[in-house]
Amino acid sequence: MANKKWRCLICDFVYEEEKGLPDEGIAPGTPWEDVPESWTCPDCGASKGDFMMVED
């Protein structure tokens, strides 16, 4: 499985699928498409629509 990363276009926070966000109830290995639509960036509050996949 590829470890995709998604960057917030507002504040540059990066969500890494491999790490997840356990403190927010998102288990390691959770694909971006499985992150709830209601989730917001923990740093700036941006929506999932404000994130873009980052190429390694």
PDB file of N, CA and C in Angstrom:
ATOM      1  N   MET A   1       0.841  -1.202   0.000  1.00  0.00           N
ATOM      2  CA  MET A   1       0.000   0.000   0.000  1.00  0.00           C
ATOM      3  C   MET A   1       0.874   1.250   0.000  1.00  0.00           C
ATOM      4  N   ALA A   2       0.553   2.156  -0.865  1.00  0.00           N
ATOM      5  CA  ALA A   2       1.294   3.416  -0.919  1.00  0.00           C
ATOM      6  C   ALA A   2       0.885   4.298   0.246  1.00  0.00           C
ATOM      7  N   ASN A   3       1.836   5.038   0.768  1.00  0.00           N
ATOM      8  CA  ASN A   3       1.533   5.984   1.840  1.00  0.00           C
ATOM      9  C   ASN A   3       1.260   7.336   1.220  1.00  0.00           C
ATOM     10  N   LYS A   4      -0.001   7.597   0.921  1.00  0.00           N
ATOM     11  CA  LYS A   4      -0.359   8.875   0.321  1.00  0.00           C
ATOM     12  C   LYS A   4      -0.380   9.960   1.388  1.00  0.00           C
ATOM     13  N   LYS A   5      -0.047  11.161   0.960  1.00  0.00           N
ATOM     14  CA  LYS A   5      -0.048  12.322   1.847  1.00  0.00           C
ATOM     15  C   LYS A   5      -0.919  13.398   1.232  1.00  0.00           C
ATOM     16  N   TRP A   6      -1.619  14.113   2.091  1.00  0.00           N
ATOM     17  CA  TRP A   6      -2.537  15.166   1.653  1.00  0.00           C
ATOM     18  C   TRP A   6      -2.188  16.442   2.397  1.00  0.00           C
ATOM     19  N   ARG A   7      -1.937  17.527   1.662  1.00  0.00           N
ATOM     20  CA  ARG A   7      -1.507  18.792   2.268  1.00  0.00           C
ATOM     21  C   ARG A   7      -2.629  19.805   2.254  1.00  0.00           C
ATOM     22  N   CYS A   8      -2.809  20.490   3.395  1.00  0.00           N
ATOM     23  CA  CYS A   8      -3.776  21.570   3.496  1.00  0.00           C
ATOM     24  C   CYS A   8      -3.271  22.760   2.683  1.00  0.00           C
ATOM     25  N   LEU A   9      -4.118  23.255   1.788  1.00  0.00           N
ATOM     26  CA  LEU A   9      -3.726  24.386   0.944  1.00  0.00           C
ATOM     27  C   LEU A   9      -3.720  25.700   1.722  1.00  0.00           C
ATOM     28  N   ILE A  10      -4.330  25.697   2.908  1.00  0.00           N
ATOM     29  CA  ILE A  10      -4.404  26.910   3.708  1.00  0.00           C
ATOM     30  C   ILE A  10      -3.178  27.060   4.616  1.00  0.00           C
ATOM     31  N   CYS A  11      -2.832  25.970   5.343  1.00  0.00           N
ATOM     32  CA  CYS A  11      -1.763  26.098   6.352  1.00  0.00           C
ATOM     33  C   CYS A  11      -0.608  25.114   6.185  1.00  0.00           C
ATOM     34  N   ASP A  12      -0.660  24.249   5.173  1.00  0.00           N
ATOM     35  CA  ASP A  12       0.394  23.269   4.882  1.00  0.00           C
ATOM     36  C   ASP A  12       0.458  22.090   5.847  1.00  0.00           C
ATOM     37  N   PHE A  13      -0.570  21.887   6.697  1.00  0.00           N
ATOM     38  CA  PHE A  13      -0.639  20.672   7.509  1.00  0.00           C
ATOM     39  C   PHE A  13      -0.681  19.473   6.562  1.00  0.00           C
ATOM     40  N   VAL A  14      -0.004  18.381   6.916  1.00  0.00           N
ATOM     41  CA  VAL A  14       0.013  17.200   6.063  1.00  0.00           C
ATOM     42  C   VAL A  14      -0.617  16.016   6.787  1.00  0.00           C
ATOM     43  N   TYR A  15      -1.625  15.399   6.143  1.00  0.00           N
ATOM     44  CA  TYR A  15      -2.220  14.156   6.633  1.00  0.00           C
ATOM     45  C   TYR A  15      -1.528  13.008   5.919  1.00  0.00           C
ATOM     46  N   GLU A  16      -0.941  12.091   6.696  1.00  0.00           N
ATOM     47  CA  GLU A  16      -0.289  10.914   6.129  1.00  0.00           C
ATOM     48  C   GLU A  16      -1.147   9.694   6.423  1.00  0.00           C
ATOM     49  N   GLU A  17      -1.580   9.005   5.362  1.00  0.00           N
ATOM     50  CA  GLU A  17      -2.436   7.834   5.527  1.00  0.00           C
ATOM     51  C   GLU A  17      -1.784   6.802   6.444  1.00  0.00           C
ATOM     52  N   GLU A  18      -0.477   6.598   6.291  1.00  0.00           N
ATOM     53  CA  GLU A  18       0.240   5.585   7.072  1.00  0.00           C
ATOM     54  C   GLU A  18       0.161   5.861   8.582  1.00  0.00           C
ATOM     55  N   LYS A  19       0.220   7.142   8.951  1.00  0.00           N
ATOM     56  CA  LYS A  19       0.205   7.524  10.372  1.00  0.00           C
ATOM     57  C   LYS A  19      -1.196   7.753  10.920  1.00  0.00           C
ATOM     58  N   GLY A  20      -2.130   8.172  10.044  1.00  0.00           N
ATOM     59  CA  GLY A  20      -3.462   8.519  10.513  1.00  0.00           C
ATOM     60  C   GLY A  20      -3.388   9.688  11.488  1.00  0.00           C
ATOM     61  N   LEU A  21      -4.437   9.845  12.280  1.00  0.00           N
ATOM     62  CA  LEU A  21      -4.472  10.870  13.334  1.00  0.00           C
ATOM     63  C   LEU A  21      -5.167  10.249  14.548  1.00  0.00           C
ATOM     64  N   PRO A  22      -4.442   9.361  15.254  1.00  0.00           N
ATOM     65  CA  PRO A  22      -5.060   8.644  16.378  1.00  0.00           C
ATOM     66  C   PRO A  22      -5.702   9.557  17.421  1.00  0.00           C
ATOM     67  N   ASP A  23      -5.129  10.730  17.648  1.00  0.00           N
ATOM     68  CA  ASP A  23      -5.701  11.662  18.630  1.00  0.00           C
ATOM     69  C   ASP A  23      -7.071  12.172  18.207  1.00  0.00           C
ATOM     70  N   GLU A  24      -7.379  12.041  16.906  1.00  0.00           N
ATOM     71  CA  GLU A  24      -8.673  12.488  16.389  1.00  0.00           C
ATOM     72  C   GLU A  24      -9.555  11.305  16.002  1.00  0.00           C
ATOM     73  N   GLY A  25      -9.149  10.099  16.399  1.00  0.00           N
ATOM     74  CA  GLY A  25      -9.945   8.914  16.126  1.00  0.00           C
ATOM     75  C   GLY A  25      -9.773   8.348  14.730  1.00  0.00           C
ATOM     76  N   ILE A  26      -8.718   8.755  14.029  1.00  0.00           N
ATOM     77  CA  ILE A  26      -8.451   8.236  12.683  1.00  0.00           C
ATOM     78  C   ILE A  26      -7.247   7.302  12.789  1.00  0.00           C
ATOM     79  N   ALA A  27      -7.507   6.016  12.646  1.00  0.00           N
ATOM     80  CA  ALA A  27      -6.475   5.000  12.851  1.00  0.00           C
ATOM     81  C   ALA A  27      -5.373   5.066  11.799  1.00  0.00           C
ATOM     82  N   PRO A  28      -4.144   4.672  12.181  1.00  0.00           N
ATOM     83  CA  PRO A  28      -3.070   4.565  11.178  1.00  0.00           C
ATOM     84  C   PRO A  28      -3.510   3.652  10.040  1.00  0.00           C
ATOM     85  N   GLY A  29      -3.155   4.031   8.819  1.00  0.00           N
ATOM     86  CA  GLY A  29      -3.525   3.251   7.642  1.00  0.00           C
ATOM     87  C   GLY A  29      -4.872   3.633   7.048  1.00  0.00           C
ATOM     88  N   THR A  30      -5.534   4.648   7.621  1.00  0.00           N
ATOM     89  CA  THR A  30      -6.840   5.070   7.100  1.00  0.00           C
ATOM     90  C   THR A  30      -6.663   5.847   5.794  1.00  0.00           C
ATOM     91  N   PRO A  31      -7.215   5.330   4.685  1.00  0.00           N
ATOM     92  CA  PRO A  31      -7.123   6.061   3.413  1.00  0.00           C
ATOM     93  C   PRO A  31      -7.871   7.394   3.491  1.00  0.00           C
ATOM     94  N   TRP A  32      -7.398   8.356   2.738  1.00  0.00           N
ATOM     95  CA  TRP A  32      -8.000   9.690   2.736  1.00  0.00           C
ATOM     96  C   TRP A  32      -9.495   9.630   2.462  1.00  0.00           C
ATOM     97  N   GLU A  33      -9.905   8.762   1.523  1.00  0.00           N
ATOM     98  CA  GLU A  33     -11.322   8.693   1.176  1.00  0.00           C
ATOM     99  C   GLU A  33     -12.180   8.173   2.334  1.00  0.00           C
ATOM    100  N   ASP A  34     -11.545   7.531   3.321  1.00  0.00           N
ATOM    101  CA  ASP A  34     -12.285   7.039   4.490  1.00  0.00           C
ATOM    102  C   ASP A  34     -12.294   8.024   5.659  1.00  0.00           C
ATOM    103  N   VAL A  35     -11.558   9.128   5.518  1.00  0.00           N
ATOM    104  CA  VAL A  35     -11.621  10.184   6.544  1.00  0.00           C
ATOM    105  C   VAL A  35     -12.988  10.853   6.394  1.00  0.00           C
ATOM    106  N   PRO A  36     -13.729  11.016   7.498  1.00  0.00           N
ATOM    107  CA  PRO A  36     -15.085  11.592   7.391  1.00  0.00           C
ATOM    108  C   PRO A  36     -15.104  12.959   6.702  1.00  0.00           C
ATOM    109  N   GLU A  37     -16.150  13.208   5.913  1.00  0.00           N
ATOM    110  CA  GLU A  37     -16.291  14.497   5.222  1.00  0.00           C
ATOM    111  C   GLU A  37     -16.394  15.651   6.221  1.00  0.00           C
ATOM    112  N   SER A  38     -16.848  15.343   7.427  1.00  0.00           N
ATOM    113  CA  SER A  38     -17.007  16.381   8.453  1.00  0.00           C
ATOM    114  C   SER A  38     -15.682  16.744   9.135  1.00  0.00           C
ATOM    115  N   TRP A  39     -14.631  15.965   8.840  1.00  0.00           N
ATOM    116  CA  TRP A  39     -13.325  16.216   9.451  1.00  0.00           C
ATOM    117  C   TRP A  39     -12.781  17.553   8.972  1.00  0.00           C
ATOM    118  N   THR A  40     -12.074  18.253   9.852  1.00  0.00           N
ATOM    119  CA  THR A  40     -11.428  19.512   9.476  1.00  0.00           C
ATOM    120  C   THR A  40      -9.967  19.495   9.889  1.00  0.00           C
ATOM    121  N   CYS A  41      -9.167  20.294   9.228  1.00  0.00           N
ATOM    122  CA  CYS A  41      -7.739  20.396   9.519  1.00  0.00           C
ATOM    123  C   CYS A  41      -7.550  20.741  10.995  1.00  0.00           C
ATOM    124  N   PRO A  42      -6.722  19.971  11.710  1.00  0.00           N
ATOM    125  CA  PRO A  42      -6.519  20.237  13.130  1.00  0.00           C
ATOM    126  C   PRO A  42      -5.768  21.549  13.398  1.00  0.00           C
ATOM    127  N   ASP A  43      -5.076  22.071  12.400  1.00  0.00           N
ATOM    128  CA  ASP A  43      -4.307  23.299  12.609  1.00  0.00           C
ATOM    129  C   ASP A  43      -5.091  24.567  12.277  1.00  0.00           C
ATOM    130  N   CYS A  44      -5.903  24.516  11.188  1.00  0.00           N
ATOM    131  CA  CYS A  44      -6.577  25.752  10.773  1.00  0.00           C
ATOM    132  C   CYS A  44      -8.082  25.617  10.588  1.00  0.00           C
ATOM    133  N   GLY A  45      -8.614  24.394  10.666  1.00  0.00           N
ATOM    134  CA  GLY A  45     -10.050  24.202  10.534  1.00  0.00           C
ATOM    135  C   GLY A  45     -10.560  24.100   9.106  1.00  0.00           C
ATOM    136  N   ALA A  46      -9.651  24.011   8.136  1.00  0.00           N
ATOM    137  CA  ALA A  46     -10.067  23.892   6.733  1.00  0.00           C
ATOM    138  C   ALA A  46     -10.771  22.556   6.496  1.00  0.00           C
ATOM    139  N   SER A  47     -11.627  22.509   5.481  1.00  0.00           N
ATOM    140  CA  SER A  47     -12.355  21.280   5.162  1.00  0.00           C
ATOM    141  C   SER A  47     -11.494  20.348   4.308  1.00  0.00           C
ATOM    142  N   LYS A  48     -11.975  19.099   4.138  1.00  0.00           N
ATOM    143  CA  LYS A  48     -11.253  18.141   3.293  1.00  0.00           C
ATOM    144  C   LYS A  48     -11.069  18.675   1.879  1.00  0.00           C
ATOM    145  N   GLY A  49     -11.983  19.505   1.411  1.00  0.00           N
ATOM    146  CA  GLY A  49     -11.892  20.063   0.068  1.00  0.00           C
ATOM    147  C   GLY A  49     -10.719  21.011  -0.120  1.00  0.00           C
ATOM    148  N   ASP A  50     -10.124  21.425   1.004  1.00  0.00           N
ATOM    149  CA  ASP A  50      -8.974  22.333   0.940  1.00  0.00           C
ATOM    150  C   ASP A  50      -7.643  21.581   0.993  1.00  0.00           C
ATOM    151  N   PHE A  51      -7.693  20.263   0.774  1.00  0.00           N
ATOM    152  CA  PHE A  51      -6.473  19.449   0.782  1.00  0.00           C
ATOM    153  C   PHE A  51      -6.173  18.949  -0.619  1.00  0.00           C
ATOM    154  N   MET A  52      -4.892  18.782  -0.916  1.00  0.00           N
ATOM    155  CA  MET A  52      -4.444  18.283  -2.217  1.00  0.00           C
ATOM    156  C   MET A  52      -3.424  17.170  -1.985  1.00  0.00           C
ATOM    157  N   MET A  53      -3.501  16.109  -2.804  1.00  0.00           N
ATOM    158  CA  MET A  53      -2.539  15.019  -2.648  1.00  0.00           C
ATOM    159  C   MET A  53      -1.141  15.499  -2.994  1.00  0.00           C
ATOM    160  N   VAL A  54      -0.174  15.051  -2.179  1.00  0.00           N
ATOM    161  CA  VAL A  54       1.223  15.428  -2.367  1.00  0.00           C
ATOM    162  C   VAL A  54       1.946  14.244  -3.000  1.00  0.00           C
ATOM    163  N   GLU A  55       2.699  14.497  -4.041  1.00  0.00           N
ATOM    164  CA  GLU A  55       3.498  13.450  -4.666  1.00  0.00           C
ATOM    165  C   GLU A  55       4.842  13.378  -3.966  1.00  0.00           C
ATOM    166  N   ASP A  56       5.235  12.168  -3.596  1.00  0.00           N
ATOM    167  CA  ASP A  56       6.550  11.995  -2.944  1.00  0.00           C
ATOM    168  C   ASP A  56       7.667  12.031  -3.954  1.00  0.00           C
TER     169      ASP A  56
END
